[in-house]
């Protein structure tokens, strides 16, 4: 196709981000996490485009270590965390949320 209707060159930037994390925790079988990704395109005029990408899924492997990165810079912090420890932290966050919700049943999520 040669002709591009309303074609306009743009200036700006694009990057990839994780837009959603889904944790499946089946009663029988290992937990699994799926990371939804999207490409963000900023046009330089204030318009932001969100383009969905292929999700990435991983099964739970308790002993696997993950390098901890600084969310602001993307640089390694020098720390690592095992998937087992991360599972314990997510479990704890879940119970803290449930406990808080039971204490305030009218709070909307």
N, C-alpha and C. Protein backbone atom coordinates (compact mmCIF):
# COMPACT_ATOMS: atom_id res chain seq x y z
N UNK A 1 0.85 -1.16 0.00
CA UNK A 1 0.00 0.00 0.00
C UNK A 1 0.90 1.23 0.00
N UNK A 2 0.75 2.09 -0.97
CA UNK A 2 1.59 3.27 -1.08
C UNK A 2 1.02 4.49 -0.38
N UNK A 3 -0.29 4.75 -0.55
CA UNK A 3 -0.89 5.95 0.02
C UNK A 3 -1.24 5.74 1.48
N UNK A 4 -0.89 6.68 2.31
CA UNK A 4 -1.20 6.61 3.75
C UNK A 4 -2.08 7.79 4.10
N UNK A 5 -3.35 7.54 4.29
CA UNK A 5 -4.34 8.56 4.60
C UNK A 5 -3.99 9.29 5.89
N UNK A 6 -4.02 10.59 5.88
CA UNK A 6 -3.73 11.46 7.02
C UNK A 6 -2.38 11.16 7.67
N UNK A 7 -1.41 10.83 6.86
CA UNK A 7 -0.07 10.54 7.38
C UNK A 7 0.55 11.79 7.97
N UNK A 8 1.13 11.63 9.16
CA UNK A 8 1.84 12.72 9.82
C UNK A 8 3.06 12.16 10.52
N UNK A 9 4.22 12.74 10.29
CA UNK A 9 5.38 12.30 11.06
C UNK A 9 5.21 12.73 12.51
N UNK A 10 5.75 11.93 13.42
CA UNK A 10 5.62 12.26 14.84
C UNK A 10 6.99 12.29 15.49
N UNK A 11 7.07 13.05 16.55
CA UNK A 11 8.26 13.06 17.39
C UNK A 11 7.82 12.59 18.77
N UNK A 12 8.68 11.93 19.48
CA UNK A 12 8.31 11.45 20.81
C UNK A 12 9.17 10.27 21.20
N UNK A 13 8.61 9.41 22.02
CA UNK A 13 9.34 8.24 22.48
C UNK A 13 8.41 7.06 22.62
N UNK A 14 9.00 5.87 22.67
CA UNK A 14 8.21 4.67 22.94
C UNK A 14 9.01 3.80 23.91
N UNK A 15 8.27 3.03 24.69
CA UNK A 15 8.89 2.10 25.62
C UNK A 15 7.90 1.00 25.95
N UNK A 16 8.41 -0.07 26.54
CA UNK A 16 7.59 -1.22 26.91
C UNK A 16 7.44 -1.23 28.43
N UNK A 17 6.23 -1.53 28.89
CA UNK A 17 5.97 -1.61 30.33
C UNK A 17 5.06 -2.79 30.62
N UNK A 18 5.10 -3.24 31.86
CA UNK A 18 4.18 -4.26 32.33
C UNK A 18 2.91 -3.55 32.78
N UNK A 19 1.78 -3.92 32.20
CA UNK A 19 0.52 -3.25 32.53
C UNK A 19 -0.33 -4.03 33.52
N UNK A 20 -0.04 -5.31 33.68
CA UNK A 20 -0.84 -6.13 34.58
C UNK A 20 -0.06 -7.39 34.94
N UNK A 21 -0.21 -7.83 36.19
CA UNK A 21 0.39 -9.08 36.64
C UNK A 21 -0.75 -9.96 37.14
N UNK A 22 -0.85 -11.17 36.60
CA UNK A 22 -1.89 -12.11 37.01
C UNK A 22 -1.20 -13.33 37.60
N UNK A 23 -1.58 -13.67 38.82
CA UNK A 23 -1.02 -14.84 39.49
C UNK A 23 -2.11 -15.90 39.58
N UNK A 24 -1.86 -17.04 38.97
CA UNK A 24 -2.76 -18.18 39.07
C UNK A 24 -2.21 -19.09 40.16
N UNK A 25 -3.04 -19.41 41.13
CA UNK A 25 -2.61 -20.23 42.26
C UNK A 25 -3.56 -21.42 42.40
N UNK A 26 -3.45 -22.39 41.48
CA UNK A 26 -4.40 -23.51 41.50
C UNK A 26 -4.21 -24.39 42.74
N UNK A 27 -5.28 -25.02 43.15
CA UNK A 27 -5.23 -25.92 44.29
C UNK A 27 -4.31 -27.10 44.01
N UNK A 28 -4.38 -27.61 42.78
CA UNK A 28 -3.49 -28.72 42.41
C UNK A 28 -2.62 -28.27 41.25
N UNK A 29 -1.35 -28.17 41.51
CA UNK A 29 -0.41 -27.73 40.48
C UNK A 29 0.35 -26.50 40.94
N UNK A 30 1.45 -26.21 40.25
CA UNK A 30 2.27 -25.08 40.67
C UNK A 30 1.63 -23.74 40.31
N UNK A 31 1.89 -22.72 41.12
CA UNK A 31 1.43 -21.37 40.75
C UNK A 31 2.10 -20.93 39.44
N UNK A 32 1.47 -19.97 38.80
CA UNK A 32 1.98 -19.44 37.53
C UNK A 32 1.69 -17.95 37.51
N UNK A 33 2.62 -17.19 36.96
CA UNK A 33 2.43 -15.74 36.84
C UNK A 33 2.46 -15.37 35.36
N UNK A 34 1.57 -14.45 34.98
CA UNK A 34 1.53 -13.94 33.62
C UNK A 34 1.67 -12.43 33.67
N UNK A 35 2.60 -11.92 32.89
CA UNK A 35 2.85 -10.48 32.82
C UNK A 35 2.27 -9.95 31.50
N UNK A 36 1.29 -9.06 31.59
CA UNK A 36 0.75 -8.41 30.40
C UNK A 36 1.66 -7.22 30.09
N UNK A 37 2.01 -7.06 28.83
CA UNK A 37 2.90 -5.98 28.42
C UNK A 37 2.20 -5.07 27.42
N UNK A 38 2.69 -3.85 27.36
CA UNK A 38 2.21 -2.93 26.34
C UNK A 38 3.35 -2.01 25.92
N UNK A 39 3.28 -1.57 24.68
CA UNK A 39 4.20 -0.56 24.20
C UNK A 39 3.48 0.78 24.35
N UNK A 40 4.17 1.73 24.96
CA UNK A 40 3.64 3.08 25.11
C UNK A 40 4.34 3.95 24.06
N UNK A 41 3.55 4.68 23.30
CA UNK A 41 4.10 5.61 22.31
C UNK A 41 3.60 6.99 22.66
N UNK A 42 4.52 7.87 23.03
CA UNK A 42 4.20 9.27 23.28
C UNK A 42 4.52 10.05 22.02
N UNK A 43 3.53 10.78 21.50
CA UNK A 43 3.70 11.43 20.20
C UNK A 43 4.39 12.78 20.26
N UNK A 44 4.65 13.28 21.45
CA UNK A 44 5.26 14.59 21.55
C UNK A 44 4.24 15.71 21.55
N UNK A 45 2.98 15.37 21.26
CA UNK A 45 1.90 16.37 21.28
C UNK A 45 0.97 16.14 22.47
N UNK A 46 1.39 15.26 23.36
CA UNK A 46 0.56 14.94 24.53
C UNK A 46 -0.28 13.70 24.35
N UNK A 47 -0.38 13.20 23.14
CA UNK A 47 -1.15 11.99 22.89
C UNK A 47 -0.31 10.78 23.27
N UNK A 48 -0.92 9.81 23.96
CA UNK A 48 -0.22 8.60 24.38
C UNK A 48 -1.00 7.40 23.84
N UNK A 49 -0.30 6.55 23.14
CA UNK A 49 -0.91 5.35 22.58
C UNK A 49 -0.47 4.14 23.39
N UNK A 50 -1.40 3.24 23.68
CA UNK A 50 -1.12 1.99 24.40
C UNK A 50 -1.33 0.84 23.42
N UNK A 51 -0.27 0.12 23.11
CA UNK A 51 -0.34 -0.98 22.15
C UNK A 51 -0.07 -2.29 22.89
N UNK A 52 -1.10 -3.15 23.03
CA UNK A 52 -0.91 -4.42 23.74
C UNK A 52 0.14 -5.30 23.04
N UNK A 53 0.89 -6.03 23.86
CA UNK A 53 1.90 -6.95 23.35
C UNK A 53 1.61 -8.36 23.84
N UNK A 54 2.38 -9.31 23.36
CA UNK A 54 2.24 -10.70 23.78
C UNK A 54 2.57 -10.82 25.27
N UNK A 55 1.70 -11.45 26.07
CA UNK A 55 2.03 -11.65 27.49
C UNK A 55 3.17 -12.66 27.66
N UNK A 56 3.82 -12.58 28.82
CA UNK A 56 4.90 -13.51 29.16
C UNK A 56 4.46 -14.28 30.40
N UNK A 57 4.52 -15.60 30.34
CA UNK A 57 4.12 -16.44 31.47
C UNK A 57 5.27 -17.26 32.00
N UNK A 58 5.28 -17.47 33.31
CA UNK A 58 6.31 -18.28 33.95
C UNK A 58 5.68 -19.12 35.05
N UNK A 59 6.15 -20.37 35.17
CA UNK A 59 5.73 -21.23 36.27
C UNK A 59 6.59 -20.95 37.49
N UNK A 60 6.02 -21.23 38.66
CA UNK A 60 6.71 -21.03 39.93
C UNK A 60 7.84 -22.03 40.09
N UNK A 61 9.04 -21.53 40.35
CA UNK A 61 10.21 -22.35 40.62
C UNK A 61 10.84 -21.81 41.90
N UNK A 62 10.53 -22.42 43.07
CA UNK A 62 10.89 -21.86 44.37
C UNK A 62 12.34 -21.44 44.53
N UNK A 63 13.29 -22.19 43.99
CA UNK A 63 14.70 -21.90 44.21
C UNK A 63 15.31 -20.88 43.26
N UNK A 64 14.58 -20.51 42.22
CA UNK A 64 15.14 -19.58 41.24
C UNK A 64 15.30 -18.20 41.85
N UNK A 65 16.50 -17.63 41.69
CA UNK A 65 16.76 -16.29 42.20
C UNK A 65 16.53 -15.25 41.12
N UNK A 66 16.00 -14.11 41.54
CA UNK A 66 15.72 -13.00 40.65
C UNK A 66 16.53 -11.80 41.13
N UNK A 67 17.24 -11.16 40.23
CA UNK A 67 17.98 -9.95 40.59
C UNK A 67 16.97 -8.82 40.82
N UNK A 68 17.11 -8.11 41.93
CA UNK A 68 16.22 -7.00 42.25
C UNK A 68 16.72 -5.75 41.51
N UNK A 69 15.81 -5.11 40.76
CA UNK A 69 16.13 -3.90 40.02
C UNK A 69 15.43 -2.70 40.64
N UNK A 70 16.07 -1.55 40.58
CA UNK A 70 15.46 -0.31 41.05
C UNK A 70 14.39 0.10 40.03
N UNK A 71 13.12 0.23 40.46
CA UNK A 71 12.05 0.56 39.52
C UNK A 71 12.21 1.93 38.85
N UNK A 72 12.94 2.84 39.48
CA UNK A 72 13.13 4.18 38.91
C UNK A 72 14.20 4.20 37.83
N UNK A 73 15.24 3.37 38.00
CA UNK A 73 16.38 3.43 37.08
C UNK A 73 16.56 2.17 36.24
N UNK A 74 16.00 1.05 36.68
CA UNK A 74 16.21 -0.23 35.99
C UNK A 74 17.55 -0.85 36.30
N UNK A 75 18.33 -0.21 37.17
CA UNK A 75 19.66 -0.71 37.53
C UNK A 75 19.56 -1.77 38.64
N UNK A 76 20.45 -2.76 38.62
CA UNK A 76 20.48 -3.76 39.69
C UNK A 76 20.83 -3.12 41.03
N UNK A 77 20.15 -3.58 42.09
CA UNK A 77 20.43 -3.07 43.43
C UNK A 77 21.53 -3.87 44.11
N UNK A 78 21.89 -5.01 43.53
CA UNK A 78 22.85 -5.90 44.16
C UNK A 78 22.18 -6.97 45.00
N UNK A 79 20.87 -6.86 45.17
CA UNK A 79 20.12 -7.85 45.94
C UNK A 79 19.50 -8.88 45.01
N UNK A 80 19.20 -10.03 45.56
CA UNK A 80 18.42 -11.05 44.85
C UNK A 80 17.31 -11.52 45.78
N UNK A 81 16.31 -12.13 45.18
CA UNK A 81 15.20 -12.70 45.95
C UNK A 81 14.81 -13.99 45.26
N UNK A 82 14.50 -15.00 46.05
CA UNK A 82 14.05 -16.26 45.46
C UNK A 82 12.55 -16.16 45.17
N UNK A 83 12.12 -16.98 44.23
CA UNK A 83 10.69 -17.03 43.95
C UNK A 83 9.91 -17.48 45.18
N UNK A 84 10.51 -18.34 45.99
CA UNK A 84 9.87 -18.79 47.22
C UNK A 84 9.63 -17.62 48.17
N UNK A 85 10.62 -16.74 48.32
CA UNK A 85 10.48 -15.57 49.20
C UNK A 85 9.43 -14.61 48.62
N UNK A 86 9.42 -14.44 47.31
CA UNK A 86 8.43 -13.56 46.68
C UNK A 86 7.02 -14.11 46.90
N UNK A 87 6.87 -15.42 46.81
CA UNK A 87 5.58 -16.06 47.06
C UNK A 87 5.11 -15.74 48.48
N UNK A 88 6.03 -15.83 49.45
CA UNK A 88 5.69 -15.54 50.85
C UNK A 88 5.27 -14.07 51.01
N UNK A 89 5.93 -13.16 50.31
CA UNK A 89 5.58 -11.74 50.39
C UNK A 89 4.20 -11.48 49.78
N UNK A 90 3.91 -12.10 48.65
CA UNK A 90 2.60 -11.92 48.01
C UNK A 90 1.50 -12.52 48.88
N UNK A 91 1.77 -13.69 49.45
CA UNK A 91 0.82 -14.32 50.36
C UNK A 91 0.54 -13.40 51.54
N UNK A 92 1.58 -12.80 52.10
CA UNK A 92 1.42 -11.89 53.24
C UNK A 92 0.63 -10.64 52.84
N UNK A 93 0.91 -10.11 51.65
CA UNK A 93 0.17 -8.93 51.17
C UNK A 93 -1.31 -9.27 50.98
N UNK A 94 -1.59 -10.46 50.48
CA UNK A 94 -2.97 -10.91 50.32
C UNK A 94 -3.68 -10.95 51.68
N UNK A 95 -3.05 -11.59 52.68
CA UNK A 95 -3.69 -11.68 53.99
C UNK A 95 -3.86 -10.31 54.64
N UNK A 96 -2.90 -9.41 54.44
CA UNK A 96 -3.04 -8.05 54.97
C UNK A 96 -4.22 -7.33 54.31
N UNK A 97 -4.40 -7.52 53.01
CA UNK A 97 -5.52 -6.90 52.30
C UNK A 97 -6.85 -7.47 52.75
N UNK A 98 -6.93 -8.78 52.92
CA UNK A 98 -8.16 -9.43 53.37
C UNK A 98 -8.51 -8.98 54.78
N UNK A 99 -7.53 -8.92 55.65
CA UNK A 99 -7.76 -8.49 57.03
C UNK A 99 -8.26 -7.05 57.06
N UNK A 100 -7.65 -6.18 56.26
CA UNK A 100 -8.08 -4.78 56.19
C UNK A 100 -9.50 -4.67 55.63
N UNK A 101 -9.81 -5.48 54.62
CA UNK A 101 -11.15 -5.45 54.01
C UNK A 101 -12.21 -5.92 55.00
N UNK A 102 -11.90 -6.93 55.82
CA UNK A 102 -12.85 -7.42 56.82
C UNK A 102 -13.09 -6.38 57.90
N UNK A 103 -12.07 -5.57 58.21
CA UNK A 103 -12.22 -4.53 59.22
C UNK A 103 -13.04 -3.36 58.69
N UNK A 104 -13.06 -3.15 57.37
CA UNK A 104 -13.81 -2.06 56.76
C UNK A 104 -14.61 -2.61 55.58
N UNK A 105 -15.71 -3.31 55.84
CA UNK A 105 -16.45 -4.00 54.77
C UNK A 105 -17.07 -3.07 53.73
N UNK A 106 -17.23 -1.79 54.03
CA UNK A 106 -17.87 -0.90 53.07
C UNK A 106 -16.89 -0.26 52.08
N UNK A 107 -15.59 -0.50 52.23
CA UNK A 107 -14.60 0.09 51.34
C UNK A 107 -14.66 -0.60 49.97
N UNK A 108 -14.83 0.19 48.93
CA UNK A 108 -14.91 -0.35 47.58
C UNK A 108 -13.51 -0.59 47.03
N UNK A 109 -13.40 -1.63 46.24
CA UNK A 109 -12.11 -1.95 45.62
C UNK A 109 -12.11 -1.46 44.20
